[in-house]
Amino acid sequence: MTRPNLLPRLVLLAALCSFLLPQQADSGEGQSWLHEIRAGVLDHDTDNLWSGTSREDGVDLNAELVFTPSLALWHGTLRPNLGVSVSDRGNTSKIYGGGVWQYLWRNGVLLDLGLGLALHDGETDNLLAPDRKQLGSTLLFHISAEIGYCITDHSRLLLMFDHMSNGYLADPNEGLDTLGIRYGYLF
């Protein structure tokens, strides 16, 4: 199968980011729909995690926006998010979005759990590409987990794991995992 072009999706994400960045309100106070920006480096298609095997290699450059609308849920906070991971070697890249639930302890340790959907530009069922993950569908489930520490009131350091797969709704379903470190800046 042919790979969808990720460029239009990245342009849409950049336009959305520029719209959501903090802007001055009429009263002179900063106002934004943006709660946090996160960026980091992730190991692409990490072996021996949820997916079990690795076919692709390299590093993903990751950026994510966490928005300000929130809902108190299970002693934590649920917020919408939108992110992108781009492979440095031309392997599977993705745009994802959904929600992230965060629990923050008083000592500054935090736990984030995310759930949503991802669009990717990788292979779905091309048997002629044995060095690429066969993901079965272009639209996949996206699950993430992070543990981190609040360095200051505005800075966080996070260890992130994420997984995307079709949840056995299509065949094949090899899934793809990443693991890495990110920095978060709170507004």
C-alpha atoms as a PDB file:
ATOM      1  CA  MET A   1       0.000   0.000   0.000  1.00  0.00           C
ATOM      2  CA  THR A   2       1.139   3.555  -0.541  1.00  0.00           C
ATOM      3  CA  ARG A   3       2.108   5.675   2.450  1.00  0.00           C
ATOM      4  CA  PRO A   4      -0.023   8.759   3.123  1.00  0.00           C
ATOM      5  CA  ASN A   5       1.799  12.089   2.994  1.00  0.00           C
ATOM      6  CA  LEU A   6       2.368  13.432   6.528  1.00  0.00           C
ATOM      7  CA  LEU A   7       3.299  16.959   5.374  1.00  0.00           C
ATOM      8  CA  PRO A   8      -0.290  18.344   5.211  1.00  0.00           C
ATOM      9  CA  ARG A   9      -0.921  17.066   8.724  1.00  0.00           C
ATOM     10  CA  LEU A  10       2.255  18.699  10.043  1.00  0.00           C
ATOM     11  CA  VAL A  11       1.286  22.022   8.415  1.00  0.00           C
ATOM     12  CA  LEU A  12      -2.138  21.783  10.064  1.00  0.00           C
ATOM     13  CA  LEU A  13      -0.498  21.099  13.439  1.00  0.00           C
ATOM     14  CA  ALA A  14       1.854  24.086  13.034  1.00  0.00           C
ATOM     15  CA  ALA A  15      -1.077  26.357  12.183  1.00  0.00           C
ATOM     16  CA  LEU A  16      -2.983  25.093  15.202  1.00  0.00           C
ATOM     17  CA  CYS A  17       0.054  25.675  17.457  1.00  0.00           C
ATOM     18  CA  SER A  18       0.440  29.272  16.289  1.00  0.00           C
ATOM     19  CA  PHE A  19      -3.243  29.922  16.960  1.00  0.00           C
ATOM     20  CA  LEU A  20      -3.046  28.464  20.471  1.00  0.00           C
ATOM     21  CA  LEU A  21       0.133  30.154  21.683  1.00  0.00           C
ATOM     22  CA  PRO A  22      -0.388  32.700  24.474  1.00  0.00           C
ATOM     23  CA  GLN A  23      -1.821  35.996  23.357  1.00  0.00           C
ATOM     24  CA  GLN A  24      -2.408  39.209  25.275  1.00  0.00           C
ATOM     25  CA  ALA A  25      -5.970  39.814  26.410  1.00  0.00           C
ATOM     26  CA  ASP A  26      -7.537  43.284  26.300  1.00  0.00           C
ATOM     27  CA  SER A  27      -6.909  43.688  30.038  1.00  0.00           C
ATOM     28  CA  GLY A  28      -3.166  43.223  29.497  1.00  0.00           C
ATOM     29  CA  GLU A  29      -3.066  39.833  31.260  1.00  0.00           C
ATOM     30  CA  GLY A  30      -1.709  36.764  29.489  1.00  0.00           C
ATOM     31  CA  GLN A  31      -4.468  34.437  28.316  1.00  0.00           C
ATOM     32  CA  SER A  32      -4.099  31.158  26.503  1.00  0.00           C
ATOM     33  CA  TRP A  33      -5.850  27.961  25.680  1.00  0.00           C
ATOM     34  CA  LEU A  34      -2.464  26.308  26.193  1.00  0.00           C
ATOM     35  CA  HIS A  35      -1.603  24.711  29.539  1.00  0.00           C
ATOM     36  CA  GLU A  36       1.745  23.083  28.694  1.00  0.00           C
ATOM     37  CA  ILE A  37       4.196  22.433  25.851  1.00  0.00           C
ATOM     38  CA  ARG A  38       6.242  19.224  25.966  1.00  0.00           C
ATOM     39  CA  ALA A  39       9.153  18.266  23.731  1.00  0.00           C
ATOM     40  CA  GLY A  40      11.669  15.461  23.763  1.00  0.00           C
ATOM     41  CA  VAL A  41      13.579  12.639  22.145  1.00  0.00           C
ATOM     42  CA  LEU A  42      12.163   9.102  22.016  1.00  0.00           C
ATOM     43  CA  ASP A  43      13.681   5.767  21.039  1.00  0.00           C
ATOM     44  CA  HIS A  44      11.718   4.695  17.938  1.00  0.00           C
ATOM     45  CA  ASP A  45      10.093   1.221  17.954  1.00  0.00           C
ATOM     46  CA  THR A  46      11.645   0.160  21.267  1.00  0.00           C
ATOM     47  CA  ASP A  47      12.139  -3.615  21.526  1.00  0.00           C
ATOM     48  CA  ASN A  48      10.640  -5.861  24.230  1.00  0.00           C
ATOM     49  CA  LEU A  49       7.832  -3.533  25.311  1.00  0.00           C
ATOM     50  CA  TRP A  50       4.091  -3.887  24.620  1.00  0.00           C
ATOM     51  CA  SER A  51       4.538  -4.620  20.900  1.00  0.00           C
ATOM     52  CA  GLY A  52       7.116  -7.294  21.659  1.00  0.00           C
ATOM     53  CA  THR A  53       9.444  -6.776  18.695  1.00  0.00           C
ATOM     54  CA  SER A  54      11.249  -4.030  16.827  1.00  0.00           C
ATOM     55  CA  ARG A  55      11.651  -3.670  13.048  1.00  0.00           C
ATOM     56  CA  GLU A  56      12.301   0.057  12.680  1.00  0.00           C
ATOM     57  CA  ASP A  57      15.174   1.976  14.213  1.00  0.00           C
ATOM     58  CA  GLY A  58      16.184   5.512  14.974  1.00  0.00           C
ATOM     59  CA  VAL A  59      14.966   8.370  17.121  1.00  0.00           C
ATOM     60  CA  ASP A  60      11.685  10.271  17.184  1.00  0.00           C
ATOM     61  CA  LEU A  61      11.551  14.012  17.799  1.00  0.00           C
ATOM     62  CA  ASN A  62       8.377  14.596  19.794  1.00  0.00           C
ATOM     63  CA  ALA A  63       6.307  17.688  20.608  1.00  0.00           C
ATOM     64  CA  GLU A  64       2.977  17.855  22.399  1.00  0.00           C
ATOM     65  CA  LEU A  65       0.486  20.514  23.421  1.00  0.00           C
ATOM     66  CA  VAL A  66      -1.687  20.075  26.514  1.00  0.00           C
ATOM     67  CA  PHE A  67      -4.659  22.448  26.555  1.00  0.00           C
ATOM     68  CA  THR A  68      -6.233  24.377  29.449  1.00  0.00           C
ATOM     69  CA  PRO A  69      -9.819  23.082  29.511  1.00  0.00           C
ATOM     70  CA  SER A  70      -9.773  20.576  32.353  1.00  0.00           C
ATOM     71  CA  LEU A  71     -11.986  18.166  34.231  1.00  0.00           C
ATOM     72  CA  ALA A  72     -11.317  16.977  37.801  1.00  0.00           C
ATOM     73  CA  LEU A  73     -11.374  13.174  37.683  1.00  0.00           C
ATOM     74  CA  TRP A  74     -10.229  10.555  40.225  1.00  0.00           C
ATOM     75  CA  HIS A  75      -8.230  13.087  42.291  1.00  0.00           C
ATOM     76  CA  GLY A  76      -6.386  14.160  39.136  1.00  0.00           C
ATOM     77  CA  THR A  77      -6.994  16.402  36.122  1.00  0.00           C
ATOM     78  CA  LEU A  78      -8.036  15.396  32.601  1.00  0.00           C
ATOM     79  CA  ARG A  79      -7.033  17.690  29.709  1.00  0.00           C
ATOM     80  CA  PRO A  80      -7.053  17.411  25.887  1.00  0.00           C
ATOM     81  CA  ASN A  81      -3.740  16.985  24.095  1.00  0.00           C
ATOM     82  CA  LEU A  82      -2.310  17.019  20.575  1.00  0.00           C
ATOM     83  CA  GLY A  83       1.150  15.784  19.613  1.00  0.00           C
ATOM     84  CA  VAL A  84       3.487  14.749  16.847  1.00  0.00           C
ATOM     85  CA  SER A  85       6.423  12.325  16.659  1.00  0.00           C
ATOM     86  CA  VAL A  86       8.696  12.475  13.611  1.00  0.00           C
ATOM     87  CA  SER A  87      11.175   9.694  12.833  1.00  0.00           C
ATOM     88  CA  ASP A  88      14.725  10.860  12.094  1.00  0.00           C
ATOM     89  CA  ARG A  89      15.236   7.993   9.613  1.00  0.00           C
ATOM     90  CA  GLY A  90      12.059   8.224   7.559  1.00  0.00           C
ATOM     91  CA  ASN A  91      10.331   5.424   9.430  1.00  0.00           C
ATOM     92  CA  THR A  92       6.811   5.672  10.841  1.00  0.00           C
ATOM     93  CA  SER A  93       5.863   9.160  12.064  1.00  0.00           C
ATOM     94  CA  LYS A  94       2.580  10.059  13.728  1.00  0.00           C
ATOM     95  CA  ILE A  95       0.191  12.782  14.827  1.00  0.00           C
ATOM     96  CA  TYR A  96      -1.894  11.936  17.876  1.00  0.00           C
ATOM     97  CA  GLY A  97      -4.538  13.491  20.050  1.00  0.00           C
ATOM     98  CA  GLY A  98      -6.975  12.696  22.796  1.00  0.00           C
ATOM     99  CA  GLY A  99      -6.831  13.243  26.511  1.00  0.00           C
ATOM    100  CA  VAL A 100      -4.227  13.058  29.244  1.00  0.00           C
ATOM    101  CA  TRP A 101      -5.055  12.450  32.905  1.00  0.00           C
ATOM    102  CA  GLN A 102      -2.518  13.745  35.428  1.00  0.00           C
ATOM    103  CA  TYR A 103      -2.032  13.074  39.107  1.00  0.00           C
ATOM    104  CA  LEU A 104       0.404  15.348  40.953  1.00  0.00           C
ATOM    105  CA  TRP A 105       1.775  14.451  44.384  1.00  0.00           C
ATOM    106  CA  ARG A 106       2.743  17.171  46.881  1.00  0.00           C
ATOM    107  CA  ASN A 107       6.431  16.253  46.567  1.00  0.00           C
ATOM    108  CA  GLY A 108       6.421  17.238  42.860  1.00  0.00           C
ATOM    109  CA  VAL A 109       6.222  13.735  41.369  1.00  0.00           C
ATOM    110  CA  LEU A 110       3.582  13.334  38.681  1.00  0.00           C
ATOM    111  CA  LEU A 111       1.915  10.555  36.725  1.00  0.00           C
ATOM    112  CA  ASP A 112       0.285  11.089  33.320  1.00  0.00           C
ATOM    113  CA  LEU A 113      -1.870   8.553  31.477  1.00  0.00           C
ATOM    114  CA  GLY A 114      -3.024   9.310  27.939  1.00  0.00           C
ATOM    115  CA  LEU A 115      -5.584   7.790  25.599  1.00  0.00           C
ATOM    116  CA  GLY A 116      -6.582   8.820  22.095  1.00  0.00           C
ATOM    117  CA  LEU A 117      -6.073   8.206  18.391  1.00  0.00           C
ATOM    118  CA  ALA A 118      -3.075   8.490  16.069  1.00  0.00           C
ATOM    119  CA  LEU A 119      -2.637   8.964  12.322  1.00  0.00           C
ATOM    120  CA  HIS A 120       0.633   7.617  10.905  1.00  0.00           C
ATOM    121  CA  ASP A 121       2.528   7.513   7.628  1.00  0.00           C
ATOM    122  CA  GLY A 122       3.900   3.977   8.079  1.00  0.00           C
ATOM    123  CA  GLU A 123       2.979   0.709   6.439  1.00  0.00           C
ATOM    124  CA  THR A 124      -0.378  -0.961   6.952  1.00  0.00           C
ATOM    125  CA  ASP A 125       0.079  -4.344   5.243  1.00  0.00           C
ATOM    126  CA  ASN A 126       2.952  -4.156   2.751  1.00  0.00           C
ATOM    127  CA  LEU A 127       4.707  -7.524   2.845  1.00  0.00           C
ATOM    128  CA  LEU A 128       7.428  -6.110   0.550  1.00  0.00           C
ATOM    129  CA  ALA A 129       8.694  -3.918   3.430  1.00  0.00           C
ATOM    130  CA  PRO A 130      10.066  -6.428   5.973  1.00  0.00           C
ATOM    131  CA  ASP A 131      12.042  -3.705   7.784  1.00  0.00           C
ATOM    132  CA  ARG A 132       8.849  -1.718   8.550  1.00  0.00           C
ATOM    133  CA  LYS A 133       6.085  -2.337  11.078  1.00  0.00           C
ATOM    134  CA  GLN A 134       2.828  -3.579   9.541  1.00  0.00           C
ATOM    135  CA  LEU A 135       0.191  -1.614  11.472  1.00  0.00           C
ATOM    136  CA  GLY A 136      -2.997  -2.785   9.686  1.00  0.00           C
ATOM    137  CA  SER A 137      -4.692   0.627   9.569  1.00  0.00           C
ATOM    138  CA  THR A 138      -3.733   4.288   9.160  1.00  0.00           C
ATOM    139  CA  LEU A 139      -5.883   5.324  12.162  1.00  0.00           C
ATOM    140  CA  LEU A 140      -4.697   3.674  15.388  1.00  0.00           C
ATOM    141  CA  PHE A 141      -5.311   3.780  19.120  1.00  0.00           C
ATOM    142  CA  HIS A 142      -2.681   5.764  21.043  1.00  0.00           C
ATOM    143  CA  ILE A 143      -1.846   5.039  24.695  1.00  0.00           C
ATOM    144  CA  SER A 144       0.815   6.805  26.761  1.00  0.00           C
ATOM    145  CA  ALA A 145       2.197   6.785  30.284  1.00  0.00           C
ATOM    146  CA  GLU A 146       4.637   9.236  31.855  1.00  0.00           C
ATOM    147  CA  ILE A 147       6.259   9.671  35.201  1.00  0.00           C
ATOM    148  CA  GLY A 148       7.961  12.936  35.961  1.00  0.00           C
ATOM    149  CA  TYR A 149       9.133  15.524  38.413  1.00  0.00           C
ATOM    150  CA  CYS A 150       8.327  19.240  38.714  1.00  0.00           C
ATOM    151  CA  ILE A 151      11.719  20.985  38.739  1.00  0.00           C
ATOM    152  CA  THR A 152      10.189  24.467  39.163  1.00  0.00           C
ATOM    153  CA  ASP A 153       6.692  25.948  38.971  1.00  0.00           C
ATOM    154  CA  HIS A 154       7.040  26.043  35.163  1.00  0.00           C
ATOM    155  CA  SER A 155       9.457  23.176  34.350  1.00  0.00           C
ATOM    156  CA  ARG A 156       9.004  19.410  34.337  1.00  0.00           C
ATOM    157  CA  LEU A 157      11.188  16.493  33.378  1.00  0.00           C
ATOM    158  CA  LEU A 158       9.303  13.399  32.159  1.00  0.00           C
ATOM    159  CA  LEU A 159      10.019   9.783  31.234  1.00  0.00           C
ATOM    160  CA  MET A 160       7.521   8.815  28.513  1.00  0.00           C
ATOM    161  CA  PHE A 161       6.280   5.530  27.061  1.00  0.00           C
ATOM    162  CA  ASP A 162       3.750   5.410  24.254  1.00  0.00           C
ATOM    163  CA  HIS A 163       2.148   2.689  22.189  1.00  0.00           C
ATOM    164  CA  MET A 164       0.006   2.744  19.089  1.00  0.00           C
ATOM    165  CA  SER A 165      -1.827  -0.160  17.473  1.00  0.00           C
ATOM    166  CA  ASN A 166      -5.166  -0.976  15.893  1.00  0.00           C
ATOM    167  CA  GLY A 167      -6.311  -2.991  18.938  1.00  0.00           C
ATOM    168  CA  TYR A 168      -6.814  -6.134  16.820  1.00  0.00           C
ATOM    169  CA  LEU A 169      -9.525  -4.423  14.761  1.00  0.00           C
ATOM    170  CA  ALA A 170      -7.437  -4.992  11.598  1.00  0.00           C
ATOM    171  CA  ASP A 171      -4.817  -7.461  10.440  1.00  0.00           C
ATOM    172  CA  PRO A 172      -1.835  -7.237  10.827  1.00  0.00           C
ATOM    173  CA  ASN A 173      -1.460  -5.546  14.209  1.00  0.00           C
ATOM    174  CA  GLU A 174       2.250  -5.337  15.036  1.00  0.00           C
ATOM    175  CA  GLY A 175       1.980  -2.109  17.052  1.00  0.00           C
ATOM    176  CA  LEU A 176       4.771   0.393  17.680  1.00  0.00           C
ATOM    177  CA  ASP A 177       6.277   1.538  20.993  1.00  0.00           C
ATOM    178  CA  THR A 178       8.493   4.499  21.873  1.00  0.00           C
ATOM    179  CA  LEU A 179      10.338   5.319  25.085  1.00  0.00           C
ATOM    180  CA  GLY A 180      12.201   8.483  25.939  1.00  0.00           C
ATOM    181  CA  ILE A 181      12.627  11.695  27.876  1.00  0.00           C
ATOM    182  CA  ARG A 182      10.729  14.970  27.540  1.00  0.00           C
ATOM    183  CA  TYR A 183      10.778  18.456  28.999  1.00  0.00           C
ATOM    184  CA  GLY A 184       7.507  20.190  29.832  1.00  0.00           C
ATOM    185  CA  TYR A 185       6.935  23.919  30.187  1.00  0.00           C
ATOM    186  CA  LEU A 186       3.763  25.063  32.033  1.00  0.00           C
ATOM    187  CA  PHE A 187       2.174  28.421  31.302  1.00  0.00           C
END
